N, C-alpha and C. Protein backbone atom coordinates (compact mmCIF):
# COMPACT_ATOMS: atom_id res chain seq x y z
N MET A 1 0.85 -1.17 0.00
CA MET A 1 0.00 0.00 0.00
C MET A 1 0.89 1.23 0.00
N PHE A 2 0.46 2.23 -0.71
CA PHE A 2 1.25 3.44 -0.83
C PHE A 2 0.33 4.64 -0.64
N PHE A 3 0.67 5.52 0.30
CA PHE A 3 -0.06 6.75 0.55
C PHE A 3 0.88 7.91 0.28
N SER A 4 0.36 8.96 -0.34
CA SER A 4 1.20 10.11 -0.66
C SER A 4 0.39 11.38 -0.52
N ARG A 5 1.09 12.44 -0.13
CA ARG A 5 0.46 13.75 0.00
C ARG A 5 1.45 14.81 -0.42
N LYS A 6 1.01 15.78 -1.21
CA LYS A 6 1.87 16.87 -1.66
C LYS A 6 1.43 18.17 -1.01
N GLY A 7 2.40 19.02 -0.75
CA GLY A 7 2.13 20.31 -0.14
C GLY A 7 2.64 21.43 -1.03
N GLU A 8 2.85 22.56 -0.42
CA GLU A 8 3.33 23.74 -1.14
C GLU A 8 4.82 23.64 -1.43
N ASN A 9 5.25 24.31 -2.49
CA ASN A 9 6.67 24.46 -2.84
C ASN A 9 7.41 23.12 -2.95
N GLY A 10 6.75 22.11 -3.47
CA GLY A 10 7.40 20.83 -3.69
C GLY A 10 7.50 19.93 -2.48
N ALA A 11 6.92 20.32 -1.36
CA ALA A 11 6.94 19.47 -0.16
C ALA A 11 6.05 18.26 -0.39
N GLN A 12 6.49 17.12 0.09
CA GLN A 12 5.69 15.91 -0.05
C GLN A 12 6.03 14.91 1.04
N VAL A 13 5.08 14.04 1.31
CA VAL A 13 5.27 12.98 2.28
C VAL A 13 4.64 11.71 1.70
N SER A 14 5.32 10.59 1.88
CA SER A 14 4.77 9.33 1.38
C SER A 14 4.99 8.24 2.42
N LEU A 15 4.10 7.29 2.40
CA LEU A 15 4.13 6.18 3.34
C LEU A 15 3.91 4.91 2.54
N GLN A 16 4.81 3.96 2.68
CA GLN A 16 4.70 2.70 1.97
C GLN A 16 4.65 1.56 2.97
N LEU A 17 3.64 0.72 2.83
CA LEU A 17 3.47 -0.44 3.70
C LEU A 17 3.56 -1.70 2.86
N VAL A 18 4.43 -2.61 3.28
CA VAL A 18 4.58 -3.91 2.63
C VAL A 18 4.23 -4.98 3.65
N PRO A 19 3.11 -5.69 3.46
CA PRO A 19 2.74 -6.75 4.40
C PRO A 19 3.75 -7.90 4.34
N ILE A 20 4.12 -8.41 5.53
CA ILE A 20 5.03 -9.56 5.57
C ILE A 20 4.38 -10.74 6.27
N GLU A 21 3.35 -10.48 7.07
CA GLU A 21 2.57 -11.51 7.74
C GLU A 21 1.13 -11.04 7.78
N VAL A 22 0.27 -11.82 8.42
CA VAL A 22 -1.15 -11.46 8.46
C VAL A 22 -1.38 -10.11 9.14
N ASP A 23 -0.78 -9.87 10.29
CA ASP A 23 -1.01 -8.63 11.04
C ASP A 23 0.24 -7.77 11.17
N ASN A 24 1.28 -8.04 10.44
CA ASN A 24 2.53 -7.27 10.53
C ASN A 24 2.96 -6.82 9.14
N GLY A 25 3.77 -5.78 9.13
CA GLY A 25 4.27 -5.29 7.86
C GLY A 25 5.55 -4.49 8.03
N PHE A 26 6.11 -4.12 6.92
CA PHE A 26 7.31 -3.30 6.83
C PHE A 26 6.85 -1.92 6.40
N LEU A 27 7.33 -0.87 7.06
CA LEU A 27 6.84 0.49 6.80
C LEU A 27 8.00 1.42 6.49
N GLU A 28 7.81 2.28 5.48
CA GLU A 28 8.79 3.32 5.18
C GLU A 28 8.07 4.64 5.01
N LEU A 29 8.50 5.63 5.77
CA LEU A 29 7.95 6.97 5.73
C LEU A 29 9.00 7.90 5.16
N SER A 30 8.67 8.62 4.12
CA SER A 30 9.61 9.53 3.47
C SER A 30 9.01 10.93 3.44
N ILE A 31 9.77 11.90 3.95
CA ILE A 31 9.28 13.28 4.04
C ILE A 31 10.28 14.21 3.37
N ILE A 32 9.79 15.05 2.47
CA ILE A 32 10.60 16.12 1.89
C ILE A 32 9.89 17.42 2.24
N ALA A 33 10.41 18.12 3.24
CA ALA A 33 9.80 19.36 3.70
C ALA A 33 10.21 20.54 2.82
N LYS A 34 11.42 20.47 2.25
CA LYS A 34 11.92 21.53 1.38
C LYS A 34 12.84 20.90 0.35
N LYS A 35 12.57 21.15 -0.93
CA LYS A 35 13.36 20.53 -1.99
C LYS A 35 14.79 21.04 -2.03
N GLY A 36 15.00 22.31 -1.79
CA GLY A 36 16.34 22.87 -1.85
C GLY A 36 16.74 23.26 -3.26
N PHE A 37 17.85 23.97 -3.37
CA PHE A 37 18.38 24.42 -4.65
C PHE A 37 18.96 23.24 -5.41
N LEU A 38 18.50 23.04 -6.63
CA LEU A 38 18.90 21.91 -7.48
C LEU A 38 18.58 20.56 -6.83
N GLY A 39 17.65 20.56 -5.89
CA GLY A 39 17.25 19.33 -5.23
C GLY A 39 18.22 18.81 -4.20
N ILE A 40 19.32 19.56 -3.95
CA ILE A 40 20.35 19.07 -3.02
C ILE A 40 20.67 20.10 -1.94
N ILE A 41 21.05 21.30 -2.34
CA ILE A 41 21.53 22.32 -1.41
C ILE A 41 20.36 22.89 -0.62
N GLY A 42 20.42 22.77 0.69
CA GLY A 42 19.37 23.27 1.57
C GLY A 42 18.17 22.36 1.67
N ARG A 43 18.29 21.15 1.22
CA ARG A 43 17.19 20.18 1.23
C ARG A 43 16.88 19.76 2.67
N LYS A 44 15.59 19.72 2.99
CA LYS A 44 15.13 19.23 4.29
C LYS A 44 14.32 17.97 4.04
N SER A 45 14.93 16.81 4.30
CA SER A 45 14.21 15.55 4.09
C SER A 45 14.62 14.54 5.15
N VAL A 46 13.75 13.58 5.37
CA VAL A 46 14.02 12.52 6.33
C VAL A 46 13.27 11.26 5.88
N THR A 47 13.87 10.12 6.13
CA THR A 47 13.24 8.83 5.84
C THR A 47 13.30 7.98 7.10
N LYS A 48 12.16 7.43 7.45
CA LYS A 48 12.09 6.56 8.63
C LYS A 48 11.62 5.18 8.17
N THR A 49 12.36 4.17 8.57
CA THR A 49 12.03 2.79 8.23
C THR A 49 11.72 2.03 9.51
N VAL A 50 10.60 1.35 9.51
CA VAL A 50 10.20 0.52 10.65
C VAL A 50 10.14 -0.91 10.14
N ASP A 51 10.96 -1.78 10.73
CA ASP A 51 11.06 -3.16 10.25
C ASP A 51 9.78 -3.96 10.43
N GLU A 52 9.13 -3.80 11.55
CA GLU A 52 7.92 -4.57 11.79
C GLU A 52 6.90 -3.72 12.53
N VAL A 53 5.73 -3.53 11.94
CA VAL A 53 4.66 -2.76 12.56
C VAL A 53 3.38 -3.58 12.56
N THR A 54 2.54 -3.32 13.55
CA THR A 54 1.23 -3.96 13.60
C THR A 54 0.23 -3.07 12.86
N LEU A 55 -0.94 -3.60 12.59
CA LEU A 55 -1.97 -2.82 11.90
C LEU A 55 -2.39 -1.60 12.71
N ALA A 56 -2.42 -1.71 14.03
CA ALA A 56 -2.78 -0.57 14.87
C ALA A 56 -1.75 0.55 14.73
N GLU A 57 -0.48 0.21 14.66
CA GLU A 57 0.57 1.22 14.48
C GLU A 57 0.48 1.85 13.09
N VAL A 58 0.13 1.06 12.08
CA VAL A 58 -0.01 1.59 10.73
C VAL A 58 -1.13 2.63 10.68
N LYS A 59 -2.22 2.35 11.37
CA LYS A 59 -3.34 3.30 11.41
C LYS A 59 -2.88 4.64 11.99
N THR A 60 -2.04 4.59 13.01
CA THR A 60 -1.52 5.81 13.62
C THR A 60 -0.68 6.60 12.62
N TYR A 61 0.20 5.92 11.89
CA TYR A 61 1.04 6.59 10.89
C TYR A 61 0.20 7.20 9.77
N VAL A 62 -0.81 6.48 9.30
CA VAL A 62 -1.65 7.00 8.23
C VAL A 62 -2.45 8.20 8.72
N ARG A 63 -2.96 8.14 9.93
CA ARG A 63 -3.71 9.26 10.50
C ARG A 63 -2.82 10.50 10.60
N GLN A 64 -1.57 10.32 11.04
CA GLN A 64 -0.62 11.44 11.14
C GLN A 64 -0.33 12.04 9.77
N LEU A 65 -0.28 11.19 8.77
CA LEU A 65 0.02 11.62 7.40
C LEU A 65 -0.96 12.70 6.94
N PHE A 66 -2.22 12.58 7.34
CA PHE A 66 -3.23 13.53 6.88
C PHE A 66 -3.64 14.56 7.94
N ASP A 67 -3.35 14.30 9.22
CA ASP A 67 -3.73 15.24 10.28
C ASP A 67 -2.69 16.32 10.53
N TYR A 68 -1.40 16.03 10.32
CA TYR A 68 -0.33 16.97 10.60
C TYR A 68 0.17 17.62 9.31
N SER A 69 0.75 18.80 9.45
CA SER A 69 1.37 19.44 8.28
C SER A 69 2.67 18.70 7.95
N ILE A 70 3.12 18.86 6.73
CA ILE A 70 4.35 18.19 6.31
C ILE A 70 5.54 18.70 7.12
N ASP A 71 5.56 19.98 7.43
CA ASP A 71 6.64 20.54 8.24
C ASP A 71 6.63 19.97 9.66
N ASP A 72 5.45 19.80 10.24
CA ASP A 72 5.34 19.20 11.57
C ASP A 72 5.83 17.75 11.57
N LEU A 73 5.49 17.00 10.54
CA LEU A 73 5.97 15.62 10.43
C LEU A 73 7.48 15.58 10.29
N TYR A 74 8.04 16.51 9.52
CA TYR A 74 9.49 16.56 9.36
C TYR A 74 10.18 16.77 10.71
N HIS A 75 9.68 17.72 11.49
CA HIS A 75 10.29 17.99 12.80
C HIS A 75 10.09 16.83 13.78
N LYS A 76 8.98 16.13 13.67
CA LYS A 76 8.71 15.01 14.55
C LYS A 76 9.68 13.83 14.29
N TYR A 77 9.95 13.54 13.03
CA TYR A 77 10.77 12.38 12.69
C TYR A 77 12.23 12.70 12.39
N ASN A 78 12.60 13.95 12.45
CA ASN A 78 14.00 14.34 12.22
C ASN A 78 14.73 14.40 13.55
N LYS A 79 14.93 13.24 14.15
CA LYS A 79 15.61 13.16 15.45
C LYS A 79 16.75 12.21 15.37
């Protein structure tokens, strides 16, 4: 499953879920808060990979994808 959302000035967030068992999956969250000059200089991006998530945890990630701004998600996962 793939969820994606685009914002202003090229900002985007995507969430990819790959099921590996009945109630578990592999999750990758990719956030680009600012594209930067030529796509490199000044770029604000982060990728979070979760090896094993339950369906309840996936629901939380999907809800955050649409409830929070892209900038807020970037600051939350850029740790």
